[in-house]
Amino acid sequence: MKFARGASEALNLALLAGLTAAFVFTASTAAMAGAWQCSAAKLKAYRYTGGDKAYIHLRPYGKGGWYAVGKTATGHVSGRTKDGTPFVCARR
């Protein structure tokens, strides 16, 4: 399989390896992000990947924010938004 005209076999293999690594990294990052599910009243969107903050966007606000979370049990974290709305995130 050739990706670049006139390039050496080694360069083509290196390019293929780099593209494969990029794909695997992207797929595993998406899988990690999808491993958590958050819930809250009026929840519009969320993002949590296991760190110390979760992105929570509630209706009717135009944007969300990053809020601190605390571990409540194995595979569960919780926090409160700026307006006091509680949220929880659990590992799927």
PDB file of N, CA and C in Angstrom:
ATOM      1  N   MET A   1       0.843  -1.164   0.000  1.00  0.00           N
ATOM      2  CA  MET A   1       0.000   0.000   0.000  1.00  0.00           C
ATOM      3  C   MET A   1       0.890   1.228   0.000  1.00  0.00           C
ATOM      4  N   LYS A   2       0.705   2.144  -0.940  1.00  0.00           N
ATOM      5  CA  LYS A   2       1.542   3.334  -1.022  1.00  0.00           C
ATOM      6  C   LYS A   2       0.695   4.571  -0.768  1.00  0.00           C
ATOM      7  N   PHE A   3       1.216   5.447   0.104  1.00  0.00           N
ATOM      8  CA  PHE A   3       0.519   6.676   0.443  1.00  0.00           C
ATOM      9  C   PHE A   3       1.141   7.895  -0.215  1.00  0.00           C
ATOM     10  N   ALA A   4       2.435   7.836  -0.491  1.00  0.00           N
ATOM     11  CA  ALA A   4       3.112   8.988  -1.064  1.00  0.00           C
ATOM     12  C   ALA A   4       3.935   8.538  -2.262  1.00  0.00           C
ATOM     13  N   ARG A   5       3.799   9.232  -3.371  1.00  0.00           N
ATOM     14  CA  ARG A   5       4.528   8.885  -4.590  1.00  0.00           C
ATOM     15  C   ARG A   5       6.024   9.123  -4.365  1.00  0.00           C
ATOM     16  N   GLY A   6       6.835   8.112  -4.662  1.00  0.00           N
ATOM     17  CA  GLY A   6       8.277   8.234  -4.577  1.00  0.00           C
ATOM     18  C   GLY A   6       8.837   8.078  -3.173  1.00  0.00           C
ATOM     19  N   ALA A   7       8.027   7.862  -2.203  1.00  0.00           N
ATOM     20  CA  ALA A   7       8.530   7.711  -0.834  1.00  0.00           C
ATOM     21  C   ALA A   7       9.018   6.281  -0.641  1.00  0.00           C
ATOM     22  N   SER A   8       9.913   6.137   0.300  1.00  0.00           N
ATOM     23  CA  SER A   8      10.460   4.805   0.549  1.00  0.00           C
ATOM     24  C   SER A   8       9.444   3.929   1.265  1.00  0.00           C
ATOM     25  N   GLU A   9       9.689   2.631   1.230  1.00  0.00           N
ATOM     26  CA  GLU A   9       8.830   1.657   1.911  1.00  0.00           C
ATOM     27  C   GLU A   9       8.752   1.961   3.404  1.00  0.00           C
ATOM     28  N   ALA A  10       9.883   2.327   4.008  1.00  0.00           N
ATOM     29  CA  ALA A  10       9.920   2.626   5.443  1.00  0.00           C
ATOM     30  C   ALA A  10       9.062   3.843   5.766  1.00  0.00           C
ATOM     31  N   LEU A  11       9.124   4.854   4.925  1.00  0.00           N
ATOM     32  CA  LEU A  11       8.327   6.058   5.149  1.00  0.00           C
ATOM     33  C   LEU A  11       6.837   5.737   5.041  1.00  0.00           C
ATOM     34  N   ASN A  12       6.472   4.921   4.052  1.00  0.00           N
ATOM     35  CA  ASN A  12       5.073   4.523   3.909  1.00  0.00           C
ATOM     36  C   ASN A  12       4.592   3.739   5.125  1.00  0.00           C
ATOM     37  N   LEU A  13       5.433   2.838   5.647  1.00  0.00           N
ATOM     38  CA  LEU A  13       5.063   2.071   6.842  1.00  0.00           C
ATOM     39  C   LEU A  13       4.927   2.971   8.059  1.00  0.00           C
ATOM     40  N   ALA A  14       5.823   3.949   8.187  1.00  0.00           N
ATOM     41  CA  ALA A  14       5.754   4.885   9.310  1.00  0.00           C
ATOM     42  C   ALA A  14       4.472   5.715   9.236  1.00  0.00           C
ATOM     43  N   LEU A  15       4.113   6.144   8.043  1.00  0.00           N
ATOM     44  CA  LEU A  15       2.884   6.911   7.852  1.00  0.00           C
ATOM     45  C   LEU A  15       1.657   6.073   8.213  1.00  0.00           C
ATOM     46  N   LEU A  16       1.649   4.837   7.760  1.00  0.00           N
ATOM     47  CA  LEU A  16       0.539   3.931   8.077  1.00  0.00           C
ATOM     48  C   LEU A  16       0.446   3.698   9.581  1.00  0.00           C
ATOM     49  N   ALA A  17       1.578   3.495  10.244  1.00  0.00           N
ATOM     50  CA  ALA A  17       1.590   3.283  11.695  1.00  0.00           C
ATOM     51  C   ALA A  17       1.078   4.521  12.423  1.00  0.00           C
ATOM     52  N   GLY A  18       1.471   5.702  11.960  1.00  0.00           N
ATOM     53  CA  GLY A  18       1.010   6.948  12.582  1.00  0.00           C
ATOM     54  C   GLY A  18      -0.486   7.137  12.441  1.00  0.00           C
ATOM     55  N   LEU A  19      -1.008   6.864  11.256  1.00  0.00           N
ATOM     56  CA  LEU A  19      -2.454   6.983  11.040  1.00  0.00           C
ATOM     57  C   LEU A  19      -3.227   5.978  11.890  1.00  0.00           C
ATOM     58  N   THR A  20      -2.697   4.775  12.002  1.00  0.00           N
ATOM     59  CA  THR A  20      -3.340   3.748  12.830  1.00  0.00           C
ATOM     60  C   THR A  20      -3.354   4.170  14.287  1.00  0.00           C
ATOM     61  N   ALA A  21      -2.229   4.693  14.791  1.00  0.00           N
ATOM     62  CA  ALA A  21      -2.152   5.137  16.184  1.00  0.00           C
ATOM     63  C   ALA A  21      -3.128   6.283  16.445  1.00  0.00           C
ATOM     64  N   ALA A  22      -3.240   7.223  15.510  1.00  0.00           N
ATOM     65  CA  ALA A  22      -4.171   8.342  15.666  1.00  0.00           C
ATOM     66  C   ALA A  22      -5.613   7.844  15.731  1.00  0.00           C
ATOM     67  N   PHE A  23      -5.955   6.882  14.890  1.00  0.00           N
ATOM     68  CA  PHE A  23      -7.303   6.329  14.899  1.00  0.00           C
ATOM     69  C   PHE A  23      -7.597   5.620  16.217  1.00  0.00           C
ATOM     70  N   VAL A  24      -6.666   4.814  16.690  1.00  0.00           N
ATOM     71  CA  VAL A  24      -6.867   4.074  17.938  1.00  0.00           C
ATOM     72  C   VAL A  24      -7.015   5.038  19.108  1.00  0.00           C
ATOM     73  N   PHE A  25      -6.189   6.089  19.159  1.00  0.00           N
ATOM     74  CA  PHE A  25      -6.282   7.071  20.230  1.00  0.00           C
ATOM     75  C   PHE A  25      -7.638   7.765  20.208  1.00  0.00           C
ATOM     76  N   THR A  26      -8.089   8.181  19.030  1.00  0.00           N
ATOM     77  CA  THR A  26      -9.383   8.862  18.899  1.00  0.00           C
ATOM     78  C   THR A  26     -10.522   7.945  19.318  1.00  0.00           C
ATOM     79  N   ALA A  27     -10.495   6.707  18.894  1.00  0.00           N
ATOM     80  CA  ALA A  27     -11.558   5.765  19.237  1.00  0.00           C
ATOM     81  C   ALA A  27     -11.572   5.470  20.731  1.00  0.00           C
ATOM     82  N   SER A  28     -10.402   5.319  21.347  1.00  0.00           N
ATOM     83  CA  SER A  28     -10.378   5.011  22.780  1.00  0.00           C
ATOM     84  C   SER A  28     -10.793   6.216  23.605  1.00  0.00           C
ATOM     85  N   THR A  29     -10.451   7.435  23.169  1.00  0.00           N
ATOM     86  CA  THR A  29     -10.866   8.638  23.885  1.00  0.00           C
ATOM     87  C   THR A  29     -12.380   8.774  23.834  1.00  0.00           C
ATOM     88  N   ALA A  30     -12.972   8.519  22.684  1.00  0.00           N
ATOM     89  CA  ALA A  30     -14.432   8.590  22.556  1.00  0.00           C
ATOM     90  C   ALA A  30     -15.090   7.532  23.436  1.00  0.00           C
ATOM     91  N   ALA A  31     -14.510   6.362  23.502  1.00  0.00           N
ATOM     92  CA  ALA A  31     -15.073   5.306  24.334  1.00  0.00           C
ATOM     93  C   ALA A  31     -14.995   5.671  25.809  1.00  0.00           C
ATOM     94  N   MET A  32     -13.885   6.304  26.223  1.00  0.00           N
ATOM     95  CA  MET A  32     -13.758   6.714  27.623  1.00  0.00           C
ATOM     96  C   MET A  32     -14.805   7.767  27.963  1.00  0.00           C
ATOM     97  N   ALA A  33     -14.992   8.746  27.087  1.00  0.00           N
ATOM     98  CA  ALA A  33     -15.971   9.795  27.336  1.00  0.00           C
ATOM     99  C   ALA A  33     -17.368   9.210  27.424  1.00  0.00           C
ATOM    100  N   GLY A  34     -17.660   8.208  26.639  1.00  0.00           N
ATOM    101  CA  GLY A  34     -18.963   7.590  26.643  1.00  0.00           C
ATOM    102  C   GLY A  34     -19.178   6.634  27.795  1.00  0.00           C
ATOM    103  N   ALA A  35     -18.163   6.411  28.607  1.00  0.00           N
ATOM    104  CA  ALA A  35     -18.268   5.458  29.698  1.00  0.00           C
ATOM    105  C   ALA A  35     -18.992   6.040  30.908  1.00  0.00           C
ATOM    106  N   TRP A  36     -19.335   7.313  30.884  1.00  0.00           N
ATOM    107  CA  TRP A  36     -20.020   7.977  31.996  1.00  0.00           C
ATOM    108  C   TRP A  36     -21.333   8.560  31.526  1.00  0.00           C
ATOM    109  N   GLN A  37     -22.319   8.560  32.400  1.00  0.00           N
ATOM    110  CA  GLN A  37     -23.607   9.175  32.107  1.00  0.00           C
ATOM    111  C   GLN A  37     -23.971  10.073  33.273  1.00  0.00           C
ATOM    112  N   CYS A  38     -24.323  11.312  32.964  1.00  0.00           N
ATOM    113  CA  CYS A  38     -24.685  12.278  34.006  1.00  0.00           C
ATOM    114  C   CYS A  38     -26.172  12.568  33.943  1.00  0.00           C
ATOM    115  N   SER A  39     -26.724  12.953  35.097  1.00  0.00           N
ATOM    116  CA  SER A  39     -28.141  13.316  35.139  1.00  0.00           C
ATOM    117  C   SER A  39     -28.335  14.492  36.097  1.00  0.00           C
ATOM    118  N   ALA A  40     -29.312  15.313  35.754  1.00  0.00           N
ATOM    119  CA  ALA A  40     -29.695  16.478  36.563  1.00  0.00           C
ATOM    120  C   ALA A  40     -31.017  16.995  36.019  1.00  0.00           C
ATOM    121  N   ALA A  41     -31.710  17.752  36.828  1.00  0.00           N
ATOM    122  CA  ALA A  41     -32.939  18.390  36.352  1.00  0.00           C
ATOM    123  C   ALA A  41     -32.578  19.366  35.243  1.00  0.00           C
ATOM    124  N   LYS A  42     -33.349  19.370  34.175  1.00  0.00           N
ATOM    125  CA  LYS A  42     -33.176  20.271  33.031  1.00  0.00           C
ATOM    126  C   LYS A  42     -31.816  20.135  32.357  1.00  0.00           C
ATOM    127  N   LEU A  43     -31.223  18.936  32.387  1.00  0.00           N
ATOM    128  CA  LEU A  43     -29.922  18.702  31.767  1.00  0.00           C
ATOM    129  C   LEU A  43     -30.035  18.760  30.250  1.00  0.00           C
ATOM    130  N   LYS A  44     -29.232  19.609  29.632  1.00  0.00           N
ATOM    131  CA  LYS A  44     -29.216  19.747  28.177  1.00  0.00           C
ATOM    132  C   LYS A  44     -28.013  19.006  27.588  1.00  0.00           C
ATOM    133  N   ALA A  45     -26.845  19.106  28.229  1.00  0.00           N
ATOM    134  CA  ALA A  45     -25.638  18.440  27.741  1.00  0.00           C
ATOM    135  C   ALA A  45     -24.673  18.239  28.902  1.00  0.00           C
ATOM    136  N   TYR A  46     -23.782  17.260  28.750  1.00  0.00           N
ATOM    137  CA  TYR A  46     -22.770  17.026  29.780  1.00  0.00           C
ATOM    138  C   TYR A  46     -21.528  16.431  29.152  1.00  0.00           C
ATOM    139  N   ARG A  47     -20.423  16.506  29.889  1.00  0.00           N
ATOM    140  CA  ARG A  47     -19.178  15.833  29.512  1.00  0.00           C
ATOM    141  C   ARG A  47     -18.440  15.525  30.803  1.00  0.00           C
ATOM    142  N   TYR A  48     -18.150  14.259  31.000  1.00  0.00           N
ATOM    143  CA  TYR A  48     -17.358  13.835  32.150  1.00  0.00           C
ATOM    144  C   TYR A  48     -16.534  12.633  31.743  1.00  0.00           C
ATOM    145  N   THR A  49     -15.243  12.680  32.016  1.00  0.00           N
ATOM    146  CA  THR A  49     -14.350  11.595  31.598  1.00  0.00           C
ATOM    147  C   THR A  49     -13.587  10.993  32.765  1.00  0.00           C
ATOM    148  N   GLY A  50     -14.034  11.279  33.993  1.00  0.00           N
ATOM    149  CA  GLY A  50     -13.394  10.662  35.138  1.00  0.00           C
ATOM    150  C   GLY A  50     -12.486  11.581  35.928  1.00  0.00           C
ATOM    151  N   GLY A  51     -12.419  12.844  35.603  1.00  0.00           N
ATOM    152  CA  GLY A  51     -11.551  13.781  36.302  1.00  0.00           C
ATOM    153  C   GLY A  51     -12.208  14.406  37.515  1.00  0.00           C
ATOM    154  N   ASP A  52     -11.731  15.597  37.882  1.00  0.00           N
ATOM    155  CA  ASP A  52     -12.271  16.274  39.060  1.00  0.00           C
ATOM    156  C   ASP A  52     -13.316  17.326  38.717  1.00  0.00           C
ATOM    157  N   LYS A  53     -13.664  17.469  37.419  1.00  0.00           N
ATOM    158  CA  LYS A  53     -14.700  18.411  36.991  1.00  0.00           C
ATOM    159  C   LYS A  53     -15.563  17.795  35.900  1.00  0.00           C
ATOM    160  N   ALA A  54     -16.802  18.228  35.855  1.00  0.00           N
ATOM    161  CA  ALA A  54     -17.745  17.798  34.817  1.00  0.00           C
ATOM    162  C   ALA A  54     -18.316  19.041  34.147  1.00  0.00           C
ATOM    163  N   TYR A  55     -18.521  18.963  32.846  1.00  0.00           N
ATOM    164  CA  TYR A  55     -19.190  20.039  32.118  1.00  0.00           C
ATOM    165  C   TYR A  55     -20.685  19.750  32.153  1.00  0.00           C
ATOM    166  N   ILE A  56     -21.438  20.693  32.691  1.00  0.00           N
ATOM    167  CA  ILE A  56     -22.892  20.544  32.806  1.00  0.00           C
ATOM    168  C   ILE A  56     -23.550  21.762  32.161  1.00  0.00           C
ATOM    169  N   HIS A  57     -24.491  21.504  31.243  1.00  0.00           N
ATOM    170  CA  HIS A  57     -25.250  22.576  30.584  1.00  0.00           C
ATOM    171  C   HIS A  57     -26.728  22.313  30.856  1.00  0.00           C
ATOM    172  N   LEU A  58     -27.342  23.235  31.572  1.00  0.00           N
ATOM    173  CA  LEU A  58     -28.759  23.111  31.922  1.00  0.00           C
ATOM    174  C   LEU A  58     -29.614  24.038  31.069  1.00  0.00           C
ATOM    175  N   ARG A  59     -30.861  23.608  30.808  1.00  0.00           N
ATOM    176  CA  ARG A  59     -31.830  24.495  30.177  1.00  0.00           C
ATOM    177  C   ARG A  59     -32.310  25.471  31.247  1.00  0.00           C
ATOM    178  N   PRO A  60     -32.577  26.674  31.001  1.00  0.00           N
ATOM    179  CA  PRO A  60     -32.639  27.407  29.737  1.00  0.00           C
ATOM    180  C   PRO A  60     -31.365  28.210  29.452  1.00  0.00           C
ATOM    181  N   TYR A  61     -30.276  27.934  30.148  1.00  0.00           N
ATOM    182  CA  TYR A  61     -29.060  28.742  30.023  1.00  0.00           C
ATOM    183  C   TYR A  61     -28.417  28.582  28.648  1.00  0.00           C
ATOM    184  N   GLY A  62     -27.787  29.656  28.169  1.00  0.00           N
ATOM    185  CA  GLY A  62     -27.154  29.667  26.863  1.00  0.00           C
ATOM    186  C   GLY A  62     -25.876  28.854  26.785  1.00  0.00           C
ATOM    187  N   LYS A  63     -25.237  28.617  27.925  1.00  0.00           N
ATOM    188  CA  LYS A  63     -24.024  27.808  27.947  1.00  0.00           C
ATOM    189  C   LYS A  63     -23.908  27.113  29.290  1.00  0.00           C
ATOM    190  N   GLY A  64     -23.039  26.131  29.321  1.00  0.00           N
ATOM    191  CA  GLY A  64     -22.810  25.390  30.560  1.00  0.00           C
ATOM    192  C   GLY A  64     -21.530  25.828  31.228  1.00  0.00           C
ATOM    193  N   GLY A  65     -21.099  25.052  32.196  1.00  0.00           N
ATOM    194  CA  GLY A  65     -19.868  25.354  32.898  1.00  0.00           C
ATOM    195  C   GLY A  65     -19.231  24.083  33.426  1.00  0.00           C
ATOM    196  N   TRP A  66     -17.971  24.218  33.839  1.00  0.00           N
ATOM    197  CA  TRP A  66     -17.226  23.105  34.434  1.00  0.00           C
ATOM    198  C   TRP A  66     -17.366  23.198  35.943  1.00  0.00           C
ATOM    199  N   TYR A  67     -17.846  22.128  36.574  1.00  0.00           N
ATOM    200  CA  TYR A  67     -18.117  22.118  38.013  1.00  0.00           C
ATOM    201  C   TYR A  67     -17.365  20.985  38.699  1.00  0.00           C
ATOM    202  N   ALA A  68     -16.886  21.282  39.896  1.00  0.00           N
ATOM    203  CA  ALA A  68     -16.158  20.284  40.683  1.00  0.00           C
ATOM    204  C   ALA A  68     -17.077  19.122  41.031  1.00  0.00           C
ATOM    205  N   VAL A  69     -16.497  17.933  41.058  1.00  0.00           N
ATOM    206  CA  VAL A  69     -17.240  16.744  41.462  1.00  0.00           C
ATOM    207  C   VAL A  69     -16.514  16.090  42.626  1.00  0.00           C
ATOM    208  N   GLY A  70     -17.285  15.381  43.436  1.00  0.00           N
ATOM    209  CA  GLY A  70     -16.729  14.599  44.523  1.00  0.00           C
ATOM    210  C   GLY A  70     -17.180  13.158  44.377  1.00  0.00           C
ATOM    211  N   LYS A  71     -16.305  12.241  44.705  1.00  0.00           N
ATOM    212  CA  LYS A  71     -16.640  10.825  44.601  1.00  0.00           C
ATOM    213  C   LYS A  71     -17.612  10.463  45.718  1.00  0.00           C
ATOM    214  N   THR A  72     -18.735   9.857  45.353  1.00  0.00           N
ATOM    215  CA  THR A  72     -19.737   9.462  46.345  1.00  0.00           C
ATOM    216  C   THR A  72     -19.744   7.961  46.572  1.00  0.00           C
ATOM    217  N   ALA A  73     -19.309   7.202  45.593  1.00  0.00           N
ATOM    218  CA  ALA A  73     -19.219   5.742  45.681  1.00  0.00           C
ATOM    219  C   ALA A  73     -18.364   5.289  44.511  1.00  0.00           C
ATOM    220  N   THR A  74     -17.985   4.041  44.494  1.00  0.00           N
ATOM    221  CA  THR A  74     -17.207   3.532  43.371  1.00  0.00           C
ATOM    222  C   THR A  74     -18.008   3.697  42.086  1.00  0.00           C
ATOM    223  N   GLY A  75     -17.437   4.432  41.132  1.00  0.00           N
ATOM    224  CA  GLY A  75     -18.107   4.638  39.852  1.00  0.00           C
ATOM    225  C   GLY A  75     -19.181   5.702  39.873  1.00  0.00           C
ATOM    226  N   HIS A  76     -19.248   6.524  40.940  1.00  0.00           N
ATOM    227  CA  HIS A  76     -20.248   7.589  41.036  1.00  0.00           C
ATOM    228  C   HIS A  76     -19.598   8.866  41.567  1.00  0.00           C
ATOM    229  N   VAL A  77     -19.953   9.995  40.953  1.00  0.00           N
ATOM    230  CA  VAL A  77     -19.526  11.303  41.450  1.00  0.00           C
ATOM    231  C   VAL A  77     -20.736  12.223  41.445  1.00  0.00           C
ATOM    232  N   SER A  78     -20.655  13.296  42.217  1.00  0.00           N
ATOM    233  CA  SER A  78     -21.749  14.261  42.244  1.00  0.00           C
ATOM    234  C   SER A  78     -21.185  15.659  42.428  1.00  0.00           C
ATOM    235  N   GLY A  79     -22.022  16.652  42.121  1.00  0.00           N
ATOM    236  CA  GLY A  79     -21.643  18.046  42.280  1.00  0.00           C
ATOM    237  C   GLY A  79     -22.866  18.935  42.210  1.00  0.00           C
ATOM    238  N   ARG A  80     -22.627  20.239  42.245  1.00  0.00           N
ATOM    239  CA  ARG A  80     -23.703  21.231  42.146  1.00  0.00           C
ATOM    240  C   ARG A  80     -23.283  22.309  41.160  1.00  0.00           C
ATOM    241  N   THR A  81     -24.251  22.747  40.357  1.00  0.00           N
ATOM    242  CA  THR A  81     -23.985  23.820  39.409  1.00  0.00           C
ATOM    243  C   THR A  81     -24.024  25.159  40.134  1.00  0.00           C
ATOM    244  N   LYS A  82     -23.703  26.234  39.405  1.00  0.00           N
ATOM    245  CA  LYS A  82     -23.670  27.575  39.996  1.00  0.00           C
ATOM    246  C   LYS A  82     -25.020  27.979  40.577  1.00  0.00           C
ATOM    247  N   ASP A  83     -26.123  27.522  39.963  1.00  0.00           N
ATOM    248  CA  ASP A  83     -27.447  27.879  40.489  1.00  0.00           C
ATOM    249  C   ASP A  83     -27.932  26.909  41.568  1.00  0.00           C
ATOM    250  N   GLY A  84     -27.068  25.959  41.976  1.00  0.00           N
ATOM    251  CA  GLY A  84     -27.408  25.037  43.054  1.00  0.00           C
ATOM    252  C   GLY A  84     -28.026  23.731  42.619  1.00  0.00           C
ATOM    253  N   THR A  85     -28.191  23.524  41.313  1.00  0.00           N
ATOM    254  CA  THR A  85     -28.780  22.270  40.828  1.00  0.00           C
ATOM    255  C   THR A  85     -27.813  21.111  41.054  1.00  0.00           C
ATOM    256  N   PRO A  86     -28.255  20.073  41.764  1.00  0.00           N
ATOM    257  CA  PRO A  86     -27.376  18.916  41.958  1.00  0.00           C
ATOM    258  C   PRO A  86     -27.328  18.048  40.700  1.00  0.00           C
ATOM    259  N   PHE A  87     -26.162  17.420  40.482  1.00  0.00           N
ATOM    260  CA  PHE A  87     -26.025  16.471  39.372  1.00  0.00           C
ATOM    261  C   PHE A  87     -25.207  15.282  39.845  1.00  0.00           C
ATOM    262  N   VAL A  88     -25.407  14.172  39.192  1.00  0.00           N
ATOM    263  CA  VAL A  88     -24.635  12.959  39.469  1.00  0.00           C
ATOM    264  C   VAL A  88     -24.161  12.379  38.150  1.00  0.00           C
ATOM    265  N   CYS A  89     -22.986  11.761  38.185  1.00  0.00           N
ATOM    266  CA  CYS A  89     -22.449  11.056  37.032  1.00  0.00           C
ATOM    267  C   CYS A  89     -22.068   9.657  37.489  1.00  0.00           C
ATOM    268  N   ALA A  90     -22.421   8.673  36.681  1.00  0.00           N
ATOM    269  CA  ALA A  90     -22.138   7.281  37.030  1.00  0.00           C
ATOM    270  C   ALA A  90     -21.484   6.591  35.849  1.00  0.00           C
ATOM    271  N   ARG A  91     -20.565   5.701  36.183  1.00  0.00           N
ATOM    272  CA  ARG A  91     -19.916   4.899  35.148  1.00  0.00           C
ATOM    273  C   ARG A  91     -20.947   3.927  34.595  1.00  0.00           C
ATOM    274  N   ARG A  92     -21.017   3.825  33.271  1.00  0.00           N
ATOM    275  CA  ARG A  92     -21.994   2.933  32.622  1.00  0.00           C
ATOM    276  C   ARG A  92     -21.573   1.509  32.767  1.00  0.00           C
TER     277      ARG A  92
END
